[in-house]
Structures are given as C-alpha cells and as structure tokens.
C-alpha cells in the first residue's frame, strides 16, 4: 500500500430503514456526485493538494478552512493508502491491473499519522486518473451486492480486489478503479 494522504470529510449516516446488515454510516473515499460523504470544501482551486489529490498533512486543510471560514469540528479526519495498482477491464493483450503513481507536478511528502484506525477498503472510480471520483459501493448501491461493513467498506483488501475483478463495478460506471485503505485519524 502507498500512503496517499489526508482528507477532512463530513460523514453521512444511513436513515435507519435498512436491514441490520446495511451500513450505519458512509466512510466513502471518493467525491461522489450524490454528496454522500463530501470533502470539507472544493479544495482543487487552492492547488495545495499532493500528487494523489489528497493532502500531505492536516495542517494544509486547516489553513484552507481558516481562509474560507469552514468549521472542521463536525468533520472526520481520514487518512488513505492506495493499493499500488489500478484495475480496468483489459483490451486484448493488456493487463487488467496496472501500476499507479502520484502526479509528479505536485509535492507528495506525506506525514503518516502516528494514530490511525483502519475502517476498511473502498473502491473508487478514477476515470480522469487524478482525483478520487465516485465510491460506487455507496454512490451506486453496489453495497447491496457485496458484503460490506458498517461504514460501507470492504473489510479486507482481498475482498475489494475480488469485487473489482467481478466486473460489477463496470456495469455501473467506467473504470479504472483504485482500492483505498480508509483510516480514521485519532489524536
């Protein structure tokens, strides 16, 4: 796994009408259009993110929050690691899994948190191959087709890989897909 960086997000909760096996809340890593777990702000115009389109440290986001008068106190601080390969349905003669790297034009010097708790693994669409797009487990109801934990994430990297290779994600949205380990940063 490759350290990818931090993001403050507003965590959404379920409405409580689902079955007991359904998620309680959503720790989606992506920037889903449905707004299920939004980023703390539209951060891209500030151009302070790293080469994985997250942040090298929480302090950078705190600076943006002060500048834009954003209250971070009700948000959750996440840390992400990326599986070093992305998946796309291969054309003839191509591999399904291919290596990923950070965008070299951005400084990527991630300060790894000293205290973090693994919440699970998310599969995120990366059509543009830069910033995280849709988390299809929550955005496209794919959580109903797989076993997910209370945060709408896979419990293991292997579960996420098997799900991606099943082709069910491609039935909803085009790839490629990246697998992210989702951690909650504790102080």
Protein backbone atom coordinates (compact mmCIF):
# COMPACT_ATOMS: atom_id res chain seq x y z
CA UNK A 1 0.00 0.00 0.00
CA UNK A 2 1.14 3.53 -0.83
CA UNK A 3 0.45 6.42 1.58
CA UNK A 4 -1.89 8.80 -0.30
CA UNK A 5 -2.73 11.50 2.24
CA UNK A 6 -5.44 13.10 4.34
CA UNK A 7 -8.93 14.50 3.85
CA UNK A 8 -11.49 16.04 6.17
CA UNK A 9 -14.96 14.81 5.26
CA UNK A 10 -18.50 15.17 6.52
CA UNK A 11 -19.70 11.65 7.30
CA UNK A 12 -23.28 10.83 6.32
CA UNK A 13 -25.33 8.30 8.23
CA UNK A 14 -28.00 5.94 6.96
CA UNK A 15 -31.64 6.73 7.58
CA UNK A 16 -32.04 3.63 9.75
CA UNK A 17 -34.55 1.98 7.42
CA UNK A 18 -32.08 -0.55 6.04
CA UNK A 19 -31.67 -4.09 7.24
CA UNK A 20 -29.27 -4.74 10.11
CA UNK A 21 -26.59 -5.85 7.63
CA UNK A 22 -26.59 -2.48 5.84
CA UNK A 23 -24.15 0.36 6.61
CA UNK A 24 -24.66 2.63 9.60
CA UNK A 25 -22.57 5.43 8.08
CA UNK A 26 -20.54 6.09 4.95
CA UNK A 27 -16.76 6.47 5.00
CA UNK A 28 -16.56 6.82 1.22
CA UNK A 29 -13.16 7.97 -0.01
CA UNK A 30 -14.44 9.41 -3.28
CA UNK A 31 -16.05 12.69 -4.23
CA UNK A 32 -19.35 11.14 -5.10
CA UNK A 33 -21.79 13.30 -7.04
CA UNK A 34 -24.55 12.13 -4.72
CA UNK A 35 -22.84 14.04 -1.89
CA UNK A 36 -22.85 11.07 0.46
CA UNK A 37 -19.57 11.92 2.21
CA UNK A 38 -18.41 15.27 0.82
CA UNK A 39 -14.91 16.70 1.06
CA UNK A 40 -14.52 19.59 3.52
CA UNK A 41 -14.60 22.04 0.58
CA UNK A 42 -13.95 22.30 -3.14
CA UNK A 43 -10.22 22.18 -2.49
CA UNK A 44 -8.79 21.83 -6.01
CA UNK A 45 -8.79 25.59 -6.84
CA UNK A 46 -6.38 26.13 -3.91
CA UNK A 47 -3.77 23.85 -5.56
CA UNK A 48 -2.37 22.73 -2.19
CA UNK A 49 -3.09 19.01 -2.57
CA UNK A 50 -0.46 16.38 -3.24
CA UNK A 51 0.12 14.17 -6.28
CA UNK A 52 -2.61 11.75 -5.19
CA UNK A 53 -5.06 14.68 -4.85
CA UNK A 54 -5.25 14.38 -1.07
CA UNK A 55 -3.21 16.39 1.46
CA UNK A 56 0.26 15.75 2.84
CA UNK A 57 -0.82 16.82 6.34
CA UNK A 58 -3.97 18.01 8.13
CA UNK A 59 -2.42 21.46 8.60
CA UNK A 60 -2.79 22.34 4.92
CA UNK A 61 -6.55 21.71 5.08
CA UNK A 62 -6.78 23.65 8.34
CA UNK A 63 -5.19 26.66 6.59
CA UNK A 64 -7.78 26.46 3.79
CA UNK A 65 -10.57 26.11 6.35
CA UNK A 66 -9.47 29.26 8.19
CA UNK A 67 -9.22 31.16 4.90
CA UNK A 68 -12.71 30.04 3.80
CA UNK A 69 -14.34 30.20 7.28
CA UNK A 70 -15.06 26.46 7.37
CA UNK A 71 -15.75 24.76 10.70
CA UNK A 72 -13.93 21.40 10.70
CA UNK A 73 -15.13 20.39 14.17
CA UNK A 74 -18.05 18.29 12.88
CA UNK A 75 -15.94 16.53 10.28
CA UNK A 76 -13.88 13.35 10.38
CA UNK A 77 -10.20 13.32 9.51
CA UNK A 78 -9.34 10.41 7.24
CA UNK A 79 -6.01 9.06 6.06
CA UNK A 80 -5.76 6.98 2.89
CA UNK A 81 -3.40 4.44 1.44
CA UNK A 82 -3.66 3.24 -2.14
CA UNK A 83 -3.21 -0.26 -3.44
CA UNK A 84 -0.30 0.18 -5.85
CA UNK A 85 -2.30 -0.99 -8.90
CA UNK A 86 -5.49 0.19 -10.57
CA UNK A 87 -7.96 -2.09 -12.32
CA UNK A 88 -9.70 -1.67 -15.66
CA UNK A 89 -11.28 -4.20 -17.97
CA UNK A 90 -8.44 -5.03 -20.34
CA UNK A 91 -8.44 -4.79 -24.10
CA UNK A 92 -6.92 -7.70 -25.99
CA UNK A 93 -3.34 -8.21 -24.88
CA UNK A 94 -3.50 -5.75 -21.96
CA UNK A 95 -3.22 -6.44 -18.25
CA UNK A 96 -6.23 -5.72 -16.03
CA UNK A 97 -4.08 -4.38 -13.16
CA UNK A 98 -1.56 -1.63 -13.92
CA UNK A 99 0.75 0.34 -11.59
CA UNK A 100 -0.18 3.81 -10.34
CA UNK A 101 1.99 6.76 -9.39
CA UNK A 102 1.44 10.21 -7.97
CA UNK A 103 1.21 13.22 -10.27
CA UNK A 104 4.81 14.44 -10.31
CA UNK A 105 3.96 18.14 -10.69
CA UNK A 106 2.65 18.21 -7.08
CA UNK A 107 4.78 17.83 -3.96
CA UNK A 108 3.95 14.49 -2.34
CA UNK A 109 5.63 14.37 1.07
CA UNK A 110 3.04 12.70 3.27
CA UNK A 111 3.33 12.82 7.04
CA UNK A 112 1.96 9.44 8.15
CA UNK A 113 -0.26 9.75 11.25
CA UNK A 114 1.01 8.24 14.48
CA UNK A 115 -2.50 7.07 15.44
CA UNK A 116 -4.94 5.73 12.88
CA UNK A 117 -7.65 3.09 12.88
CA UNK A 118 -8.38 1.03 9.78
CA UNK A 119 -12.09 1.29 8.87
CA UNK A 120 -11.91 -0.80 5.68
CA UNK A 121 -11.26 -0.63 1.95
CA UNK A 122 -13.11 1.45 -0.62
CA UNK A 123 -13.16 1.09 -4.41
CA UNK A 124 -13.09 4.46 -6.13
CA UNK A 125 -13.54 5.35 -9.79
CA UNK A 126 -10.59 7.24 -11.33
CA UNK A 127 -11.66 7.88 -14.93
CA UNK A 128 -9.53 11.05 -15.12
CA UNK A 129 -6.69 9.26 -13.28
CA UNK A 130 -6.09 12.13 -10.87
CA UNK A 131 -8.61 12.95 -8.12
CA UNK A 132 -10.90 10.41 -6.46
CA UNK A 133 -14.29 10.30 -8.15
CA UNK A 134 -17.26 8.05 -7.21
CA UNK A 135 -17.17 5.46 -4.45
CA UNK A 136 -19.53 3.03 -6.11
CA UNK A 137 -20.32 0.96 -3.01
CA UNK A 138 -22.29 3.89 -1.63
CA UNK A 139 -22.98 6.01 -4.72
CA UNK A 140 -24.39 3.25 -6.95
CA UNK A 141 -25.82 0.91 -4.31
CA UNK A 142 -23.24 -1.78 -5.01
CA UNK A 143 -23.06 -2.34 -1.24
CA UNK A 144 -26.22 -4.40 -1.66
CA UNK A 145 -24.36 -6.83 -3.94
CA UNK A 146 -21.33 -7.37 -1.70
CA UNK A 147 -20.63 -7.93 1.97
CA UNK A 148 -19.62 -4.58 3.46
CA UNK A 149 -19.02 -3.39 6.99
CA UNK A 150 -20.95 -0.77 8.96
CA UNK A 151 -19.01 2.01 7.17
CA UNK A 152 -19.94 0.76 3.67
CA UNK A 153 -16.41 -0.54 3.09
CA UNK A 154 -14.85 -3.92 2.42
CA UNK A 155 -13.16 -5.48 5.45
CA UNK A 156 -10.11 -6.72 3.54
CA UNK A 157 -8.00 -5.77 0.55
CA UNK A 158 -8.65 -9.23 -0.90
CA UNK A 159 -12.44 -8.72 -0.69
CA UNK A 160 -12.08 -5.42 -2.57
CA UNK A 161 -9.87 -6.98 -5.26
CA UNK A 162 -12.29 -9.88 -5.83
CA UNK A 163 -15.22 -7.44 -6.09
CA UNK A 164 -13.42 -5.23 -8.60
CA UNK A 165 -12.44 -8.22 -10.72
CA UNK A 166 -16.07 -9.44 -10.75
CA UNK A 167 -16.99 -6.80 -13.35
CA UNK A 168 -19.94 -5.49 -11.31
CA UNK A 169 -18.34 -2.05 -10.93
CA UNK A 170 -18.02 -1.73 -14.71
CA UNK A 171 -21.72 -2.48 -15.05
CA UNK A 172 -22.38 0.83 -13.23
CA UNK A 173 -19.54 3.18 -14.16
CA UNK A 174 -16.43 3.06 -16.35
CA UNK A 175 -13.03 2.40 -14.79
CA UNK A 176 -10.30 2.44 -13.92
CA UNK A 177 -10.75 1.74 -10.21
CA UNK A 178 -8.37 2.16 -7.33
CA UNK A 179 -8.60 0.50 -3.94
CA UNK A 180 -8.03 2.74 -0.94
CA UNK A 181 -7.45 1.72 2.66
CA UNK A 182 -9.57 4.11 4.75
CA UNK A 183 -8.28 5.08 8.18
CA UNK A 184 -9.79 7.36 10.80
CA UNK A 185 -7.09 9.52 12.34
CA UNK A 186 -7.24 9.62 16.13
CA UNK A 187 -5.48 12.11 18.34
